């Protein structure tokens, strides 16, 4: 009697990855539904998450998003302004939008809240960008920051007054040139929010770090 041929073993399903892929897409869809269900979607955060997902899936970051475009525009403004040294301005992101850190040493007269001419030039160019859709709907939050060296003058009894006055000077500059006041906000934080430590572990001052912390931050966000 001829031997019955053993049936071939079932091959491993070569399309198992489809199930995993479908699960991943379902989770991503659920995540985005959750985001849009919030009362206010944080657009920059949404865009950064979306960009991260694209990178993980092997795609390219969509550089045409408004936040990324605005970041590039501001960087070009700084590069094209000869009177402003590149190290005097830092352009970055946070969870709300684009953040421009202006070094106080280059943008204000020493110990004062008076804007320098290069500062006015840069702020004027930024303002023009914020008059063009979709950026004409963006808000501008201005924060004044100092280092940890106390100040005590008739006009500025402490760093609180100095930081608040510098933030207000930027806001006033925008308003005087036609920007709507309801888009603007000013706050002074003195030395409570340093970007880098003012002192080392031995409590010795770090002059270059103190210079970084003396700044005005301008946040541009939807």
N, C-alpha and C. Protein backbone atom coordinates (compact mmCIF):
# COMPACT_ATOMS: atom_id res chain seq x y z
N UNK A 1 0.85 -1.19 0.00
CA UNK A 1 0.00 0.00 0.00
C UNK A 1 0.88 1.24 0.00
N UNK A 2 0.66 2.10 -0.96
CA UNK A 2 1.54 3.29 -1.03
C UNK A 2 1.39 4.17 0.20
N UNK A 3 2.55 4.68 0.66
CA UNK A 3 2.53 5.56 1.83
C UNK A 3 1.84 6.88 1.49
N UNK A 4 0.94 7.24 2.41
CA UNK A 4 0.23 8.51 2.19
C UNK A 4 1.19 9.68 2.43
N UNK A 5 1.18 10.56 1.48
CA UNK A 5 2.07 11.73 1.59
C UNK A 5 1.60 12.64 2.71
N UNK A 6 2.54 13.02 3.56
CA UNK A 6 2.22 13.91 4.69
C UNK A 6 1.89 15.30 4.16
N UNK A 7 0.74 15.83 4.56
CA UNK A 7 0.39 17.18 4.06
C UNK A 7 1.42 18.20 4.52
N UNK A 8 1.73 19.14 3.66
CA UNK A 8 2.74 20.15 4.04
C UNK A 8 2.25 20.99 5.20
N UNK A 9 3.21 21.31 6.09
CA UNK A 9 2.84 22.15 7.23
C UNK A 9 2.39 23.52 6.74
N UNK A 10 1.41 24.00 7.42
CA UNK A 10 0.89 25.32 7.04
C UNK A 10 2.00 26.36 7.19
N UNK A 11 2.19 27.08 6.13
CA UNK A 11 3.22 28.11 6.19
C UNK A 11 2.78 29.24 7.10
N UNK A 12 3.77 29.80 7.73
CA UNK A 12 3.49 30.95 8.59
C UNK A 12 2.89 32.07 7.76
N UNK A 13 1.86 32.61 8.27
CA UNK A 13 1.18 33.68 7.53
C UNK A 13 2.14 34.84 7.32
N UNK A 14 2.44 35.10 6.04
CA UNK A 14 3.40 36.16 5.75
C UNK A 14 2.78 37.54 5.85
N UNK A 15 1.48 37.58 6.12
CA UNK A 15 0.82 38.89 6.18
C UNK A 15 0.41 39.25 7.61
N UNK A 16 1.09 38.64 8.58
CA UNK A 16 0.77 38.97 9.97
C UNK A 16 1.01 40.44 10.27
N UNK A 17 1.95 41.04 9.55
CA UNK A 17 2.28 42.44 9.82
C UNK A 17 1.08 43.35 9.56
N UNK A 18 0.15 42.88 8.68
CA UNK A 18 -1.01 43.72 8.39
C UNK A 18 -1.87 43.94 9.63
N UNK A 19 -1.98 42.89 10.44
CA UNK A 19 -2.77 43.02 11.66
C UNK A 19 -2.13 44.00 12.62
N UNK A 20 -0.81 43.89 12.74
CA UNK A 20 -0.09 44.84 13.61
C UNK A 20 -0.22 46.26 13.10
N UNK A 21 -0.09 46.40 11.79
CA UNK A 21 -0.21 47.74 11.18
C UNK A 21 -1.61 48.32 11.42
N UNK A 22 -2.63 47.48 11.23
CA UNK A 22 -4.01 47.94 11.44
C UNK A 22 -4.23 48.37 12.88
N UNK A 23 -3.66 47.60 13.82
CA UNK A 23 -3.79 47.97 15.23
C UNK A 23 -3.14 49.32 15.49
N UNK A 24 -1.96 49.52 14.90
CA UNK A 24 -1.25 50.79 15.10
C UNK A 24 -2.05 51.96 14.55
N UNK A 25 -2.62 51.78 13.36
CA UNK A 25 -3.42 52.86 12.75
C UNK A 25 -4.65 53.16 13.61
N UNK A 26 -5.28 52.11 14.14
CA UNK A 26 -6.45 52.31 15.00
C UNK A 26 -6.09 53.11 16.24
N UNK A 27 -4.94 52.77 16.84
CA UNK A 27 -4.50 53.51 18.02
C UNK A 27 -4.21 54.97 17.68
N UNK A 28 -3.58 55.20 16.54
CA UNK A 28 -3.29 56.58 16.13
C UNK A 28 -4.57 57.36 15.90
N UNK A 29 -5.56 56.73 15.27
CA UNK A 29 -6.83 57.41 15.04
C UNK A 29 -7.50 57.76 16.36
N UNK A 30 -7.45 56.83 17.30
CA UNK A 30 -8.04 57.09 18.62
C UNK A 30 -7.33 58.25 19.31
N UNK A 31 -6.02 58.29 19.14
CA UNK A 31 -5.24 59.37 19.76
C UNK A 31 -5.64 60.73 19.19
N UNK A 32 -5.79 60.81 17.87
CA UNK A 32 -6.16 62.09 17.26
C UNK A 32 -7.60 62.48 17.59
N UNK A 33 -8.49 61.50 17.68
CA UNK A 33 -9.86 61.81 18.11
C UNK A 33 -9.85 62.40 19.51
N UNK A 34 -9.00 61.84 20.38
CA UNK A 34 -8.89 62.37 21.74
C UNK A 34 -8.38 63.81 21.72
N UNK A 35 -7.40 64.08 20.86
CA UNK A 35 -6.85 65.44 20.78
C UNK A 35 -7.91 66.44 20.36
N UNK A 36 -8.65 66.12 19.30
CA UNK A 36 -9.61 67.10 18.80
C UNK A 36 -10.82 67.22 19.72
N UNK A 37 -10.97 66.29 20.66
CA UNK A 37 -12.09 66.40 21.60
C UNK A 37 -11.81 67.40 22.70
N UNK A 38 -10.55 67.82 22.85
CA UNK A 38 -10.23 68.82 23.86
C UNK A 38 -10.87 70.14 23.47
N UNK A 39 -11.14 70.95 24.47
CA UNK A 39 -11.76 72.25 24.20
C UNK A 39 -10.86 73.14 23.38
N UNK A 40 -9.55 72.96 23.53
CA UNK A 40 -8.61 73.76 22.74
C UNK A 40 -7.44 72.88 22.36
N UNK A 41 -7.30 72.61 21.09
CA UNK A 41 -6.18 71.81 20.62
C UNK A 41 -4.94 72.67 20.56
N UNK A 42 -3.87 72.23 21.22
CA UNK A 42 -2.61 72.98 21.16
C UNK A 42 -1.96 72.68 19.81
N UNK A 43 -2.11 73.58 18.86
CA UNK A 43 -1.64 73.36 17.50
C UNK A 43 -0.17 73.00 17.41
N UNK A 44 0.74 73.73 18.06
CA UNK A 44 2.15 73.36 17.94
C UNK A 44 2.44 71.97 18.46
N UNK A 45 1.81 71.60 19.60
CA UNK A 45 2.03 70.28 20.16
C UNK A 45 1.48 69.23 19.20
N UNK A 46 0.29 69.49 18.65
CA UNK A 46 -0.31 68.57 17.69
C UNK A 46 0.62 68.37 16.49
N UNK A 47 1.18 69.46 15.99
CA UNK A 47 2.05 69.37 14.82
C UNK A 47 3.33 68.62 15.14
N UNK A 48 3.88 68.84 16.35
CA UNK A 48 5.11 68.14 16.71
C UNK A 48 4.85 66.64 16.87
N UNK A 49 3.70 66.28 17.46
CA UNK A 49 3.35 64.87 17.60
C UNK A 49 3.17 64.24 16.23
N UNK A 50 2.47 64.97 15.35
CA UNK A 50 2.26 64.47 14.00
C UNK A 50 3.58 64.26 13.28
N UNK A 51 4.50 65.20 13.44
CA UNK A 51 5.81 65.08 12.80
C UNK A 51 6.56 63.88 13.35
N UNK A 52 6.47 63.66 14.67
CA UNK A 52 7.14 62.52 15.28
C UNK A 52 6.61 61.20 14.76
N UNK A 53 5.28 61.13 14.59
CA UNK A 53 4.67 59.91 14.07
C UNK A 53 5.14 59.66 12.64
N UNK A 54 5.21 60.73 11.85
CA UNK A 54 5.67 60.57 10.47
C UNK A 54 7.09 60.03 10.42
N UNK A 55 7.94 60.55 11.30
CA UNK A 55 9.33 60.08 11.32
C UNK A 55 9.39 58.61 11.70
N UNK A 56 8.59 58.22 12.71
CA UNK A 56 8.60 56.82 13.15
C UNK A 56 8.14 55.89 12.04
N UNK A 57 7.20 56.37 11.21
CA UNK A 57 6.68 55.54 10.13
C UNK A 57 7.51 55.67 8.86
N UNK A 58 8.65 56.37 8.96
CA UNK A 58 9.53 56.48 7.81
C UNK A 58 9.19 57.59 6.86
N UNK A 59 8.25 58.46 7.23
CA UNK A 59 7.88 59.57 6.37
C UNK A 59 8.75 60.77 6.63
N UNK A 60 8.42 61.86 5.98
CA UNK A 60 9.17 63.09 6.12
C UNK A 60 8.38 64.07 6.97
N UNK A 61 9.10 64.91 7.71
CA UNK A 61 8.45 65.94 8.50
C UNK A 61 7.85 66.98 7.56
N UNK A 62 6.60 67.35 7.81
CA UNK A 62 5.92 68.33 6.96
C UNK A 62 6.36 69.73 7.36
N UNK A 63 7.34 70.26 6.63
CA UNK A 63 7.91 71.56 6.97
C UNK A 63 7.02 72.71 6.55
N UNK A 64 5.86 72.41 5.94
CA UNK A 64 4.97 73.47 5.48
C UNK A 64 3.94 73.86 6.53
N UNK A 65 3.97 73.25 7.69
CA UNK A 65 3.04 73.64 8.75
C UNK A 65 3.32 75.07 9.18
N UNK A 66 2.27 75.82 9.57
CA UNK A 66 2.46 77.24 9.93
C UNK A 66 3.53 77.48 10.98
N UNK A 67 3.56 76.65 12.02
CA UNK A 67 4.53 76.87 13.09
C UNK A 67 5.96 76.73 12.57
N UNK A 68 6.20 75.69 11.77
CA UNK A 68 7.55 75.49 11.23
C UNK A 68 7.92 76.60 10.25
N UNK A 69 6.94 77.04 9.46
CA UNK A 69 7.19 78.14 8.53
C UNK A 69 7.54 79.41 9.28
N UNK A 70 6.80 79.69 10.36
CA UNK A 70 7.07 80.90 11.13
C UNK A 70 8.45 80.85 11.76
N UNK A 71 8.83 79.69 12.27
CA UNK A 71 10.16 79.51 12.85
C UNK A 71 11.23 79.85 11.81
N UNK A 72 11.06 79.34 10.59
CA UNK A 72 12.04 79.61 9.53
C UNK A 72 12.06 81.08 9.15
N UNK A 73 10.90 81.71 9.10
CA UNK A 73 10.83 83.13 8.74
C UNK A 73 11.56 83.98 9.77
N UNK A 74 11.36 83.68 11.06
CA UNK A 74 12.02 84.46 12.11
C UNK A 74 13.53 84.26 12.04
N UNK A 75 13.95 83.03 11.80
CA UNK A 75 15.39 82.78 11.67
C UNK A 75 16.00 83.59 10.53
N UNK A 76 15.28 83.68 9.42
CA UNK A 76 15.78 84.46 8.29
C UNK A 76 15.85 85.95 8.63
N UNK A 77 14.87 86.42 9.39
CA UNK A 77 14.88 87.82 9.82
C UNK A 77 16.16 88.12 10.59
N UNK A 78 16.50 87.23 11.52
CA UNK A 78 17.70 87.43 12.33
C UNK A 78 18.95 87.39 11.46
N UNK A 79 19.02 86.42 10.56
CA UNK A 79 20.19 86.27 9.69
C UNK A 79 20.38 87.48 8.77
N UNK A 80 19.26 88.07 8.35
CA UNK A 80 19.32 89.18 7.39
C UNK A 80 19.47 90.55 8.05
N UNK A 81 19.51 90.59 9.38
CA UNK A 81 19.65 91.87 10.08
C UNK A 81 21.09 92.02 10.53
N UNK A 82 21.85 92.82 9.82
CA UNK A 82 23.29 92.93 10.04
C UNK A 82 23.65 93.47 11.42
N UNK A 83 22.81 94.33 11.98
CA UNK A 83 23.15 94.97 13.25
C UNK A 83 22.92 94.07 14.46
N UNK A 84 22.39 92.88 14.23
CA UNK A 84 22.09 91.97 15.34
C UNK A 84 23.02 90.76 15.26
N UNK A 85 23.91 90.58 16.23
CA UNK A 85 24.79 89.40 16.22
C UNK A 85 23.96 88.13 16.41
N UNK A 86 24.28 87.06 15.69
CA UNK A 86 23.49 85.83 15.78
C UNK A 86 23.35 85.29 17.20
N UNK A 87 24.40 85.45 18.01
CA UNK A 87 24.34 84.92 19.37
C UNK A 87 23.41 85.71 20.28
N UNK A 88 22.91 86.86 19.80
CA UNK A 88 22.02 87.69 20.62
C UNK A 88 20.58 87.22 20.57
N UNK A 89 20.28 86.30 19.66
CA UNK A 89 18.90 85.84 19.49
C UNK A 89 18.89 84.32 19.36
N UNK A 90 17.97 83.69 20.07
CA UNK A 90 17.79 82.24 19.97
C UNK A 90 16.34 81.97 19.60
N UNK A 91 16.13 81.24 18.51
CA UNK A 91 14.77 80.94 18.05
C UNK A 91 14.52 79.45 18.24
N UNK A 92 13.47 79.13 18.97
CA UNK A 92 13.17 77.73 19.24
C UNK A 92 11.68 77.48 19.35
N UNK A 93 11.33 76.32 19.91
CA UNK A 93 9.94 75.93 20.10
C UNK A 93 9.69 75.62 21.57
N UNK A 94 8.43 75.73 21.98
CA UNK A 94 7.98 75.08 23.20
C UNK A 94 6.63 74.46 22.89
N UNK A 95 5.89 74.00 23.90
CA UNK A 95 4.64 73.30 23.64
C UNK A 95 3.53 74.21 23.11
N UNK A 96 3.75 75.52 23.12
CA UNK A 96 2.73 76.45 22.64
C UNK A 96 3.03 77.01 21.26
N UNK A 97 4.28 77.23 20.94
CA UNK A 97 4.59 77.84 19.66
C UNK A 97 6.06 78.13 19.48
N UNK A 98 6.34 79.19 18.75
CA UNK A 98 7.71 79.63 18.50
C UNK A 98 8.14 80.59 19.60
N UNK A 99 9.34 80.39 20.13
CA UNK A 99 9.86 81.25 21.20
C UNK A 99 11.14 81.92 20.71
N UNK A 100 11.15 83.26 20.80
CA UNK A 100 12.34 84.03 20.42
C UNK A 100 12.93 84.62 21.70
N UNK A 101 14.15 84.23 22.03
CA UNK A 101 14.84 84.78 23.19
C UNK A 101 15.81 85.87 22.73
N UNK A 102 15.55 87.09 23.18
CA UNK A 102 16.40 88.23 22.86
C UNK A 102 17.32 88.52 24.04
N UNK A 103 18.61 88.55 23.81
CA UNK A 103 19.57 88.87 24.87
C UNK A 103 19.40 90.33 25.28
N UNK A 104 19.22 90.56 26.57
CA UNK A 104 18.99 91.92 27.06
C UNK A 104 20.16 92.84 26.73
N UNK A 105 21.38 92.29 26.74
CA UNK A 105 22.55 93.12 26.48
C UNK A 105 22.57 93.75 25.11
N UNK A 106 21.92 93.11 24.13
CA UNK A 106 21.89 93.63 22.77
C UNK A 106 20.60 94.39 22.45
N UNK A 107 19.56 94.15 23.23
CA UNK A 107 18.25 94.71 22.88
C UNK A 107 17.77 95.82 23.81
N UNK A 108 18.52 96.05 24.89
CA UNK A 108 18.16 97.13 25.82
C UNK A 108 19.40 97.91 26.21
N UNK A 109 19.18 99.19 26.46
CA UNK A 109 20.26 100.00 27.00
C UNK A 109 20.61 99.46 28.39
N UNK A 110 21.88 99.51 28.80
CA UNK A 110 22.29 98.94 30.09
C UNK A 110 21.47 99.50 31.26
N UNK A 111 20.95 98.57 32.08
CA UNK A 111 20.21 98.96 33.28
C UNK A 111 18.92 99.70 33.02
N UNK A 112 18.38 99.57 31.80
CA UNK A 112 17.16 100.31 31.47
C UNK A 112 16.18 99.41 30.73
N UNK A 113 15.01 99.96 30.44
CA UNK A 113 14.00 99.26 29.65
C UNK A 113 13.83 99.93 28.29
N UNK A 114 14.84 100.65 27.84
CA UNK A 114 14.79 101.32 26.54
C UNK A 114 15.33 100.37 25.46
N UNK A 115 14.53 100.14 24.45
CA UNK A 115 14.94 99.27 23.35
C UNK A 115 16.03 99.93 22.52
N UNK A 116 17.00 99.14 22.09
CA UNK A 116 18.03 99.65 21.19
C UNK A 116 17.46 99.73 19.77
N UNK A 117 18.14 100.43 18.90
CA UNK A 117 17.68 100.55 17.52
C UNK A 117 17.66 99.19 16.80
N UNK A 118 18.69 98.33 16.96
CA UNK A 118 18.60 97.00 16.34
C UNK A 118 17.40 96.21 16.84
N UNK A 119 17.07 96.36 18.14
CA UNK A 119 15.91 95.66 18.68
C UNK A 119 14.64 96.12 17.99
N UNK A 120 14.49 97.42 17.82
CA UNK A 120 13.30 97.96 17.15
C UNK A 120 13.21 97.46 15.71
N UNK A 121 14.36 97.36 15.06
CA UNK A 121 14.39 96.89 13.68
C UNK A 121 13.89 95.44 13.58
N UNK A 122 14.41 94.58 14.45
CA UNK A 122 14.01 93.17 14.43
C UNK A 122 12.54 93.02 14.80
N UNK A 123 12.10 93.71 15.84
CA UNK A 123 10.70 93.61 16.26
C UNK A 123 9.76 94.11 15.17
N UNK A 124 10.18 95.13 14.44
CA UNK A 124 9.36 95.62 13.34
C UNK A 124 9.19 94.57 12.25
N UNK A 125 10.26 93.84 11.94
CA UNK A 125 10.18 92.79 10.92
C UNK A 125 9.30 91.63 11.40
N UNK A 126 9.43 91.28 12.68
CA UNK A 126 8.59 90.21 13.22
C UNK A 126 7.13 90.63 13.17
N UNK A 127 6.85 91.87 13.52
CA UNK A 127 5.47 92.37 13.49
C UNK A 127 4.88 92.25 12.09
N UNK A 128 5.65 92.56 11.07
CA UNK A 128 5.13 92.47 9.70
C UNK A 128 4.75 91.04 9.35
N UNK A 129 5.53 90.08 9.82
CA UNK A 129 5.18 88.68 9.57
C UNK A 129 3.87 88.31 10.27
N UNK A 130 3.64 88.91 11.43
CA UNK A 130 2.45 88.59 12.22
C UNK A 130 1.20 89.32 11.71
N UNK A 131 1.34 90.08 10.66
CA UNK A 131 0.19 90.74 10.03
C UNK A 131 -0.34 89.95 8.84
N UNK A 132 0.36 88.87 8.48
CA UNK A 132 0.01 88.08 7.30
C UNK A 132 -0.66 86.78 7.74
N UNK A 133 -1.81 86.40 7.12
CA UNK A 133 -2.44 85.12 7.45
C UNK A 133 -1.47 83.97 7.23
N UNK A 134 -1.53 82.92 8.07
CA UNK A 134 -2.43 82.75 9.21
C UNK A 134 -1.91 83.37 10.51
N UNK A 135 -0.76 84.04 10.43
CA UNK A 135 -0.12 84.53 11.65
C UNK A 135 -0.82 85.76 12.22
N UNK A 136 -1.74 86.36 11.46
CA UNK A 136 -2.47 87.51 11.99
C UNK A 136 -3.46 87.11 13.08
N UNK A 137 -3.63 85.81 13.28
CA UNK A 137 -4.48 85.31 14.37
C UNK A 137 -3.66 84.80 15.55
N UNK A 138 -2.35 84.89 15.45
CA UNK A 138 -1.49 84.42 16.53
C UNK A 138 -1.45 85.44 17.67
N UNK A 139 -1.13 84.94 18.85
CA UNK A 139 -0.96 85.79 20.03
C UNK A 139 0.53 85.94 20.33
N UNK A 140 0.86 86.99 21.06
CA UNK A 140 2.26 87.29 21.39
C UNK A 140 2.38 87.46 22.90
N UNK A 141 3.07 86.54 23.55
CA UNK A 141 3.33 86.62 24.99
C UNK A 141 4.78 87.04 25.19
N UNK A 142 4.98 88.12 25.93
CA UNK A 142 6.33 88.64 26.15
C UNK A 142 6.70 88.47 27.62
N UNK A 143 7.85 87.85 27.87
CA UNK A 143 8.31 87.60 29.24
C UNK A 143 9.68 88.24 29.45
N UNK A 144 9.80 88.99 30.54
CA UNK A 144 11.09 89.56 30.90
C UNK A 144 11.78 88.70 31.94
N UNK A 145 13.09 88.50 31.78
CA UNK A 145 13.88 87.67 32.70
C UNK A 145 15.19 88.38 33.02
N UNK A 146 15.70 88.15 34.22
CA UNK A 146 17.00 88.71 34.62
C UNK A 146 17.89 87.59 35.16
N UNK A 147 19.13 87.95 35.47
CA UNK A 147 19.99 87.00 36.20
C UNK A 147 19.73 87.18 37.69
N UNK A 148 20.59 86.59 38.52
CA UNK A 148 20.37 86.63 39.97
C UNK A 148 21.10 87.77 40.66
N UNK A 149 21.63 88.71 39.89
CA UNK A 149 22.31 89.86 40.50
C UNK A 149 21.27 90.93 40.81
N UNK A 150 21.10 91.31 42.07
CA UNK A 150 20.06 92.29 42.41
C UNK A 150 20.34 93.65 41.79
N UNK A 151 19.28 94.36 41.48
CA UNK A 151 19.38 95.74 41.02
C UNK A 151 18.59 96.61 42.00
N UNK A 152 19.06 97.80 42.22
CA UNK A 152 18.35 98.71 43.13
C UNK A 152 18.60 100.14 42.68
N UNK A 153 17.64 100.65 41.89
CA UNK A 153 17.71 102.04 41.44
C UNK A 153 16.37 102.70 41.75
N UNK A 154 16.31 104.01 41.52
CA UNK A 154 15.06 104.71 41.78
C UNK A 154 13.93 104.16 40.91
N UNK A 155 14.27 103.85 39.66
CA UNK A 155 13.23 103.36 38.74
C UNK A 155 12.97 101.87 38.90
N UNK A 156 14.02 101.11 39.21
CA UNK A 156 13.88 99.66 39.33
C UNK A 156 14.38 99.22 40.71
N UNK A 157 13.50 99.20 41.70
CA UNK A 157 13.90 98.79 43.04
C UNK A 157 14.39 97.34 43.12
N UNK A 158 13.96 96.51 42.15
CA UNK A 158 14.38 95.11 42.13
C UNK A 158 14.32 94.58 40.70
N UNK A 159 14.76 93.35 40.54
CA UNK A 159 14.71 92.73 39.22
C UNK A 159 13.28 92.49 38.73
N UNK A 160 12.34 92.47 39.65
CA UNK A 160 10.94 92.31 39.24
C UNK A 160 10.50 93.50 38.39
N UNK A 161 10.80 94.68 38.85
CA UNK A 161 10.42 95.88 38.09
C UNK A 161 11.16 95.95 36.76
N UNK A 162 12.44 95.58 36.77
CA UNK A 162 13.23 95.64 35.54
C UNK A 162 12.70 94.66 34.50
N UNK A 163 12.47 93.43 34.91
CA UNK A 163 12.00 92.42 33.96
C UNK A 163 10.60 92.76 33.43
N UNK A 164 9.73 93.23 34.31
CA UNK A 164 8.38 93.60 33.87
C UNK A 164 8.41 94.79 32.93
N UNK A 165 9.27 95.76 33.21
CA UNK A 165 9.36 96.96 32.36
C UNK A 165 9.89 96.62 30.98
N UNK A 166 10.84 95.70 30.91
CA UNK A 166 11.38 95.32 29.60
C UNK A 166 10.34 94.56 28.78
N UNK A 167 9.59 93.69 29.42
CA UNK A 167 8.51 93.00 28.70
C UNK A 167 7.47 94.01 28.22
N UNK A 168 7.12 94.96 29.08
CA UNK A 168 6.14 95.97 28.71
C UNK A 168 6.64 96.85 27.57
N UNK A 169 7.95 97.10 27.53
CA UNK A 169 8.52 97.93 26.46
C UNK A 169 8.33 97.27 25.10
N UNK A 170 8.50 95.95 25.05
CA UNK A 170 8.30 95.23 23.79
C UNK A 170 6.83 95.28 23.38
N UNK A 171 5.94 95.04 24.34
CA UNK A 171 4.50 95.10 24.05
C UNK A 171 4.11 96.50 23.57
N UNK A 172 4.60 97.51 24.26
CA UNK A 172 4.28 98.89 23.88
C UNK A 172 4.79 99.20 22.47
N UNK A 173 5.97 98.67 22.14
CA UNK A 173 6.52 98.89 20.80
C UNK A 173 5.59 98.32 19.73
N UNK A 174 5.07 97.11 19.97
CA UNK A 174 4.14 96.50 19.02
C UNK A 174 2.86 97.33 18.90
N UNK A 175 2.30 97.73 20.04
CA UNK A 175 1.03 98.46 20.03
C UNK A 175 1.19 99.81 19.32
N UNK A 176 2.28 100.50 19.59
CA UNK A 176 2.49 101.81 18.98
C UNK A 176 2.64 101.72 17.46
N UNK A 177 2.91 100.53 16.98
CA UNK A 177 3.04 100.34 15.53
C UNK A 177 1.85 99.62 14.94
N UNK A 178 0.75 99.64 15.68
CA UNK A 178 -0.52 99.20 15.10
C UNK A 178 -1.00 97.81 15.44
N UNK A 179 -0.28 97.06 16.26
CA UNK A 179 -0.75 95.72 16.60
C UNK A 179 -1.89 95.80 17.61
N UNK A 180 -2.88 94.91 17.46
CA UNK A 180 -4.02 94.89 18.37
C UNK A 180 -3.57 94.51 19.78
N UNK A 181 -3.99 95.30 20.75
CA UNK A 181 -3.56 95.08 22.14
C UNK A 181 -4.07 93.76 22.69
N UNK A 182 -5.22 93.27 22.20
CA UNK A 182 -5.77 92.03 22.74
C UNK A 182 -5.01 90.79 22.29
N UNK A 183 -4.01 90.97 21.43
CA UNK A 183 -3.17 89.84 21.03
C UNK A 183 -1.92 89.74 21.90
N UNK A 184 -1.71 90.72 22.76
CA UNK A 184 -0.44 90.84 23.48
C UNK A 184 -0.59 90.62 24.98
N UNK A 185 0.50 90.14 25.56
CA UNK A 185 0.55 89.93 27.01
C UNK A 185 1.99 90.15 27.47
N UNK A 186 2.16 90.79 28.62
CA UNK A 186 3.50 91.04 29.17
C UNK A 186 3.58 90.54 30.60
N UNK A 187 4.73 89.98 30.96
CA UNK A 187 4.94 89.51 32.34
C UNK A 187 6.43 89.58 32.66
N UNK A 188 6.75 89.88 33.91
CA UNK A 188 8.13 89.90 34.37
C UNK A 188 8.37 88.81 35.40
N UNK A 189 9.46 88.06 35.25
CA UNK A 189 9.74 86.93 36.13
C UNK A 189 11.02 87.09 36.93
N UNK A 190 11.67 88.25 36.81
CA UNK A 190 12.94 88.47 37.53
C UNK A 190 13.90 87.31 37.25
N UNK A 191 14.46 86.70 38.31
CA UNK A 191 15.43 85.61 38.10
C UNK A 191 14.83 84.24 38.41
N UNK A 192 13.50 84.14 38.40
CA UNK A 192 12.85 82.89 38.83
C UNK A 192 12.80 81.81 37.75
N UNK A 193 13.09 82.16 36.50
CA UNK A 193 13.04 81.17 35.42
C UNK A 193 14.32 81.22 34.57
N UNK A 194 15.46 80.88 35.16
CA UNK A 194 16.71 80.91 34.37
C UNK A 194 16.73 79.81 33.31
N UNK A 195 17.33 80.11 32.18
CA UNK A 195 17.52 79.09 31.14
C UNK A 195 18.63 78.13 31.52
N UNK A 196 19.67 78.68 32.15
CA UNK A 196 20.83 77.91 32.58
C UNK A 196 21.20 78.36 33.99
N UNK A 197 21.93 77.54 34.75
CA UNK A 197 22.28 77.93 36.12
C UNK A 197 23.13 79.20 36.16
N UNK A 198 22.79 80.09 37.09
CA UNK A 198 23.59 81.31 37.27
C UNK A 198 24.91 81.03 37.97
N UNK A 199 24.95 79.91 38.74
CA UNK A 199 26.16 79.57 39.50
C UNK A 199 26.49 78.10 39.32
N UNK A 200 27.76 77.77 39.57
CA UNK A 200 28.16 76.37 39.48
C UNK A 200 27.89 75.67 40.81
N UNK A 201 28.31 74.41 40.89
CA UNK A 201 28.02 73.63 42.10
C UNK A 201 28.75 74.16 43.33
N UNK A 202 29.78 74.97 43.11
CA UNK A 202 30.50 75.58 44.22
C UNK A 202 29.95 76.97 44.55
N UNK A 203 28.79 77.29 43.94
CA UNK A 203 28.15 78.59 44.16
C UNK A 203 28.96 79.77 43.64
N UNK A 204 29.84 79.46 42.68
CA UNK A 204 30.58 80.52 42.02
C UNK A 204 29.79 81.00 40.80
N UNK A 205 29.69 82.30 40.59
CA UNK A 205 28.92 82.80 39.46
C UNK A 205 29.51 82.38 38.11
N UNK A 206 28.64 82.17 37.14
CA UNK A 206 29.05 81.84 35.77
C UNK A 206 28.62 83.00 34.89
N UNK A 207 29.54 83.91 34.57
CA UNK A 207 29.18 85.14 33.84
C UNK A 207 28.45 84.88 32.52
N UNK A 208 28.93 83.90 31.74
CA UNK A 208 28.30 83.66 30.44
C UNK A 208 26.87 83.14 30.60
N UNK A 209 26.62 82.37 31.67
CA UNK A 209 25.26 81.90 31.92
C UNK A 209 24.35 83.04 32.36
N UNK A 210 24.89 83.92 33.17
CA UNK A 210 24.10 85.07 33.59
C UNK A 210 23.69 85.91 32.39
N UNK A 211 24.59 86.02 31.43
CA UNK A 211 24.27 86.78 30.21
C UNK A 211 23.13 86.11 29.44
N UNK A 212 23.12 84.79 29.40
CA UNK A 212 22.05 84.05 28.73
C UNK A 212 20.71 84.28 29.43
N UNK A 213 20.74 84.32 30.75
CA UNK A 213 19.50 84.47 31.52
C UNK A 213 18.91 85.87 31.46
N UNK A 214 19.74 86.86 31.15
CA UNK A 214 19.22 88.22 30.99
C UNK A 214 18.62 88.33 29.59
N UNK A 215 17.33 88.15 29.51
CA UNK A 215 16.69 88.03 28.20
C UNK A 215 15.23 88.47 28.25
N UNK A 216 14.68 88.68 27.09
CA UNK A 216 13.24 88.84 26.92
C UNK A 216 12.78 87.75 25.95
N UNK A 217 11.79 86.98 26.36
CA UNK A 217 11.27 85.90 25.53
C UNK A 217 9.96 86.35 24.89
N UNK A 218 9.88 86.18 23.58
CA UNK A 218 8.66 86.51 22.85
C UNK A 218 8.09 85.21 22.28
N UNK A 219 6.93 84.82 22.77
CA UNK A 219 6.30 83.57 22.33
C UNK A 219 5.19 83.89 21.34
N UNK A 220 5.24 83.26 20.17
CA UNK A 220 4.25 83.45 19.11
C UNK A 220 3.44 82.17 19.00
N UNK A 221 2.16 82.25 19.22
CA UNK A 221 1.37 81.01 19.26
C UNK A 221 -0.08 81.26 18.83
N UNK A 222 -0.77 80.19 18.37
CA UNK A 222 -2.17 80.33 17.95
C UNK A 222 -3.09 80.66 19.12
